[in-house]
Amino acid sequence: MTVSTHVLDATAGVPAAGVPVSLSFRSARGWLTFGTGQYFAARGVATFYPEVAITFTVATEPNPAGKDSGHYHVPLLLSPFGYSTYRGN
C-alpha cells in the first residue's frame, strides 16, 4: 500500500509547501495528521485549526470497480478557518 498527499492553501491559491505530515496505521485504518498551525504560524497568520487529522479506511480487497485499492491519495484544501479533503486518485 502507498499513500500520497498534497496540500493547497485556498487563501493564497498555491500549494502549501512545508506543512508537516505524519502517517499512522493501525489495523484497517490509516491516519494522516497535518501540522497546519506550524504552516500558518510561519506565515504570521492566525488559524482556528492547529492540526488536521484525517482518518480513512484501508481496503483489503479491490474496490467494486475492480481497481487496485493499494494506493491512497488524500489531498487537503486548507484555509486558516476551514479545510476540506477527499479521496483523490
N, C-alpha and C. Protein backbone atom coordinates (compact mmCIF):
# COMPACT_ATOMS: atom_id res chain seq x y z
N MET A 1 0.85 -1.18 0.00
CA MET A 1 0.00 0.00 0.00
C MET A 1 0.89 1.23 0.00
N THR A 2 0.47 2.23 -0.78
CA THR A 2 1.17 3.52 -0.79
C THR A 2 0.16 4.62 -0.49
N VAL A 3 0.66 5.71 0.09
CA VAL A 3 -0.17 6.87 0.42
C VAL A 3 0.55 8.11 -0.07
N SER A 4 -0.19 8.99 -0.74
CA SER A 4 0.37 10.28 -1.14
C SER A 4 -0.62 11.37 -0.77
N THR A 5 -0.13 12.60 -0.74
CA THR A 5 -0.99 13.73 -0.41
C THR A 5 -0.44 14.99 -1.06
N HIS A 6 -1.25 16.00 -1.12
CA HIS A 6 -0.80 17.35 -1.41
C HIS A 6 -1.70 18.29 -0.63
N VAL A 7 -1.18 19.46 -0.30
CA VAL A 7 -1.92 20.44 0.47
C VAL A 7 -1.98 21.72 -0.33
N LEU A 8 -3.19 22.25 -0.50
CA LEU A 8 -3.39 23.51 -1.22
C LEU A 8 -3.86 24.58 -0.24
N ASP A 9 -3.22 25.75 -0.30
CA ASP A 9 -3.62 26.89 0.52
C ASP A 9 -4.68 27.65 -0.27
N ALA A 10 -5.93 27.52 0.15
CA ALA A 10 -7.05 28.11 -0.60
C ALA A 10 -7.02 29.63 -0.57
N THR A 11 -6.50 30.23 0.50
CA THR A 11 -6.48 31.70 0.58
C THR A 11 -5.41 32.30 -0.32
N ALA A 12 -4.29 31.61 -0.47
CA ALA A 12 -3.21 32.11 -1.32
C ALA A 12 -3.30 31.58 -2.74
N GLY A 13 -4.06 30.48 -2.93
CA GLY A 13 -4.20 29.90 -4.25
C GLY A 13 -2.95 29.18 -4.74
N VAL A 14 -2.16 28.67 -3.80
CA VAL A 14 -0.91 27.99 -4.15
C VAL A 14 -0.77 26.73 -3.30
N PRO A 15 0.13 25.82 -3.70
CA PRO A 15 0.42 24.68 -2.83
C PRO A 15 0.97 25.18 -1.50
N ALA A 16 0.60 24.51 -0.43
CA ALA A 16 1.06 24.88 0.91
C ALA A 16 2.34 24.10 1.21
N ALA A 17 3.45 24.63 0.77
CA ALA A 17 4.74 23.96 0.96
C ALA A 17 5.16 24.00 2.42
N GLY A 18 5.73 22.91 2.88
CA GLY A 18 6.29 22.88 4.22
C GLY A 18 5.34 22.48 5.33
N VAL A 19 4.14 22.01 5.00
CA VAL A 19 3.22 21.54 6.05
C VAL A 19 3.71 20.19 6.54
N PRO A 20 4.03 20.06 7.84
CA PRO A 20 4.45 18.76 8.33
C PRO A 20 3.29 17.75 8.29
N VAL A 21 3.59 16.53 7.90
CA VAL A 21 2.57 15.47 7.80
C VAL A 21 3.11 14.21 8.47
N SER A 22 2.26 13.57 9.28
CA SER A 22 2.64 12.28 9.84
C SER A 22 1.56 11.27 9.46
N LEU A 23 1.99 10.05 9.23
CA LEU A 23 1.08 8.96 8.86
C LEU A 23 1.18 7.87 9.91
N SER A 24 0.05 7.45 10.42
CA SER A 24 -0.01 6.34 11.36
C SER A 24 -0.94 5.29 10.77
N PHE A 25 -0.70 4.03 11.13
CA PHE A 25 -1.50 2.95 10.59
C PHE A 25 -1.78 1.95 11.70
N ARG A 26 -3.04 1.60 11.84
CA ARG A 26 -3.42 0.57 12.79
C ARG A 26 -4.56 -0.23 12.20
N SER A 27 -4.41 -1.52 12.12
CA SER A 27 -5.47 -2.40 11.66
C SER A 27 -5.92 -1.96 10.27
N ALA A 28 -7.23 -1.75 10.08
CA ALA A 28 -7.77 -1.40 8.77
C ALA A 28 -7.96 0.10 8.62
N ARG A 29 -7.30 0.90 9.45
CA ARG A 29 -7.45 2.35 9.34
C ARG A 29 -6.09 3.01 9.21
N GLY A 30 -6.07 4.09 8.45
CA GLY A 30 -4.88 4.93 8.35
C GLY A 30 -5.22 6.30 8.88
N TRP A 31 -4.24 6.97 9.46
CA TRP A 31 -4.44 8.33 9.95
C TRP A 31 -3.38 9.23 9.36
N LEU A 32 -3.77 10.41 8.90
CA LEU A 32 -2.84 11.44 8.43
C LEU A 32 -3.06 12.66 9.31
N THR A 33 -2.00 13.19 9.93
CA THR A 33 -2.10 14.41 10.71
C THR A 33 -1.24 15.48 10.05
N PHE A 34 -1.86 16.61 9.77
CA PHE A 34 -1.19 17.74 9.13
C PHE A 34 -0.94 18.82 10.17
N GLY A 35 0.29 19.32 10.25
CA GLY A 35 0.64 20.38 11.19
C GLY A 35 0.30 21.75 10.63
N THR A 36 -0.98 22.03 10.52
CA THR A 36 -1.43 23.28 9.90
C THR A 36 -1.08 24.52 10.73
N GLY A 37 -1.04 24.37 12.05
CA GLY A 37 -0.67 25.51 12.90
C GLY A 37 0.73 26.00 12.62
N GLN A 38 1.66 25.06 12.44
CA GLN A 38 3.04 25.43 12.12
C GLN A 38 3.12 26.16 10.79
N TYR A 39 2.37 25.68 9.81
CA TYR A 39 2.36 26.30 8.49
C TYR A 39 1.89 27.75 8.57
N PHE A 40 0.75 27.98 9.22
CA PHE A 40 0.22 29.34 9.30
C PHE A 40 1.06 30.23 10.21
N ALA A 41 1.60 29.69 11.32
CA ALA A 41 2.46 30.48 12.21
C ALA A 41 3.68 31.01 11.47
N ALA A 42 4.25 30.19 10.59
CA ALA A 42 5.42 30.61 9.82
C ALA A 42 5.10 31.75 8.87
N ARG A 43 3.83 31.93 8.56
CA ARG A 43 3.38 33.00 7.67
C ARG A 43 2.74 34.16 8.42
N GLY A 44 2.72 34.08 9.75
CA GLY A 44 2.14 35.15 10.56
C GLY A 44 0.63 35.24 10.46
N VAL A 45 -0.03 34.09 10.24
CA VAL A 45 -1.48 34.03 10.05
C VAL A 45 -2.11 33.25 11.20
N ALA A 46 -3.12 33.83 11.84
CA ALA A 46 -3.85 33.12 12.90
C ALA A 46 -4.71 32.03 12.26
N THR A 47 -4.83 30.90 12.95
CA THR A 47 -5.64 29.80 12.44
C THR A 47 -6.47 29.18 13.56
N PHE A 48 -7.61 28.67 13.22
CA PHE A 48 -8.50 28.03 14.19
C PHE A 48 -8.12 26.58 14.43
N TYR A 49 -7.52 25.94 13.42
CA TYR A 49 -7.17 24.52 13.49
C TYR A 49 -5.65 24.37 13.56
N PRO A 50 -5.07 24.08 14.74
CA PRO A 50 -3.63 23.91 14.83
C PRO A 50 -3.13 22.62 14.16
N GLU A 51 -4.02 21.66 13.99
CA GLU A 51 -3.70 20.47 13.22
C GLU A 51 -4.98 19.89 12.64
N VAL A 52 -4.82 19.13 11.58
CA VAL A 52 -5.94 18.46 10.93
C VAL A 52 -5.62 16.97 10.88
N ALA A 53 -6.45 16.16 11.49
CA ALA A 53 -6.28 14.70 11.46
C ALA A 53 -7.34 14.10 10.53
N ILE A 54 -6.90 13.30 9.60
CA ILE A 54 -7.79 12.64 8.66
C ILE A 54 -7.66 11.14 8.87
N THR A 55 -8.77 10.50 9.19
CA THR A 55 -8.81 9.06 9.38
C THR A 55 -9.51 8.44 8.18
N PHE A 56 -8.92 7.41 7.60
CA PHE A 56 -9.54 6.76 6.45
C PHE A 56 -9.40 5.26 6.56
N THR A 57 -10.28 4.55 5.88
CA THR A 57 -10.29 3.09 5.89
C THR A 57 -9.40 2.57 4.76
N VAL A 58 -8.60 1.58 5.08
CA VAL A 58 -7.73 0.94 4.10
C VAL A 58 -8.40 -0.36 3.69
N ALA A 59 -8.79 -0.44 2.44
CA ALA A 59 -9.46 -1.64 1.92
C ALA A 59 -8.45 -2.77 1.77
N THR A 60 -8.89 -3.97 2.06
CA THR A 60 -8.01 -5.13 1.91
C THR A 60 -8.29 -5.89 0.62
N GLU A 61 -9.31 -5.47 -0.11
CA GLU A 61 -9.67 -6.11 -1.37
C GLU A 61 -9.88 -5.03 -2.43
N PRO A 62 -9.85 -5.39 -3.70
CA PRO A 62 -10.12 -4.40 -4.75
C PRO A 62 -11.50 -3.77 -4.56
N ASN A 63 -11.62 -2.53 -4.97
CA ASN A 63 -12.92 -1.86 -4.85
C ASN A 63 -13.92 -2.43 -5.86
N PRO A 64 -15.22 -2.09 -5.75
CA PRO A 64 -16.24 -2.67 -6.64
C PRO A 64 -15.98 -2.45 -8.13
N ALA A 65 -15.26 -1.39 -8.47
CA ALA A 65 -14.98 -1.14 -9.89
C ALA A 65 -13.85 -2.02 -10.40
N GLY A 66 -13.27 -2.83 -9.50
CA GLY A 66 -12.22 -3.74 -9.90
C GLY A 66 -10.84 -3.12 -9.90
N LYS A 67 -10.73 -1.87 -9.46
CA LYS A 67 -9.43 -1.21 -9.45
C LYS A 67 -8.65 -1.60 -8.20
N ASP A 68 -7.36 -1.57 -8.32
CA ASP A 68 -6.49 -1.88 -7.20
C ASP A 68 -6.66 -0.81 -6.12
N SER A 69 -6.86 -1.24 -4.88
CA SER A 69 -7.02 -0.30 -3.78
C SER A 69 -5.71 -0.11 -3.03
N GLY A 70 -4.59 -0.45 -3.64
CA GLY A 70 -3.29 -0.38 -2.99
C GLY A 70 -2.69 1.00 -2.88
N HIS A 71 -3.28 2.01 -3.51
CA HIS A 71 -2.77 3.38 -3.41
C HIS A 71 -3.87 4.30 -2.92
N TYR A 72 -3.50 5.18 -2.01
CA TYR A 72 -4.44 6.17 -1.47
C TYR A 72 -3.83 7.55 -1.63
N HIS A 73 -4.56 8.44 -2.29
CA HIS A 73 -4.15 9.84 -2.42
C HIS A 73 -5.14 10.65 -1.60
N VAL A 74 -4.65 11.38 -0.60
CA VAL A 74 -5.50 12.10 0.34
C VAL A 74 -5.13 13.58 0.32
N PRO A 75 -5.76 14.38 -0.54
CA PRO A 75 -5.45 15.81 -0.61
C PRO A 75 -6.12 16.59 0.52
N LEU A 76 -5.54 17.75 0.85
CA LEU A 76 -6.11 18.65 1.84
C LEU A 76 -6.18 20.05 1.26
N LEU A 77 -7.37 20.63 1.25
CA LEU A 77 -7.58 22.01 0.85
C LEU A 77 -7.72 22.81 2.13
N LEU A 78 -6.87 23.81 2.32
CA LEU A 78 -6.69 24.43 3.62
C LEU A 78 -6.88 25.94 3.58
N SER A 79 -7.53 26.48 4.61
CA SER A 79 -7.57 27.92 4.87
C SER A 79 -7.43 28.09 6.37
N PRO A 80 -7.19 29.30 6.87
CA PRO A 80 -7.00 29.47 8.31
C PRO A 80 -8.18 29.04 9.17
N PHE A 81 -9.38 29.04 8.61
CA PHE A 81 -10.56 28.74 9.42
C PHE A 81 -11.43 27.63 8.86
N GLY A 82 -10.86 26.79 8.01
CA GLY A 82 -11.61 25.67 7.47
C GLY A 82 -10.71 24.78 6.64
N TYR A 83 -11.17 23.58 6.36
CA TYR A 83 -10.44 22.66 5.50
C TYR A 83 -11.41 21.67 4.88
N SER A 84 -10.94 21.03 3.80
CA SER A 84 -11.73 20.03 3.10
C SER A 84 -10.78 18.96 2.59
N THR A 85 -11.28 17.74 2.50
CA THR A 85 -10.47 16.65 1.98
C THR A 85 -11.37 15.69 1.19
N TYR A 86 -10.75 14.83 0.42
CA TYR A 86 -11.48 13.84 -0.36
C TYR A 86 -10.48 12.75 -0.76
N ARG A 87 -10.97 11.64 -1.25
CA ARG A 87 -10.06 10.62 -1.77
C ARG A 87 -9.77 10.94 -3.22
N GLY A 88 -8.53 11.26 -3.48
CA GLY A 88 -8.11 11.56 -4.84
C GLY A 88 -7.69 10.30 -5.55
N ASN A 89 -7.09 10.48 -6.71
CA ASN A 89 -6.60 9.31 -7.45
C ASN A 89 -5.22 9.55 -7.99
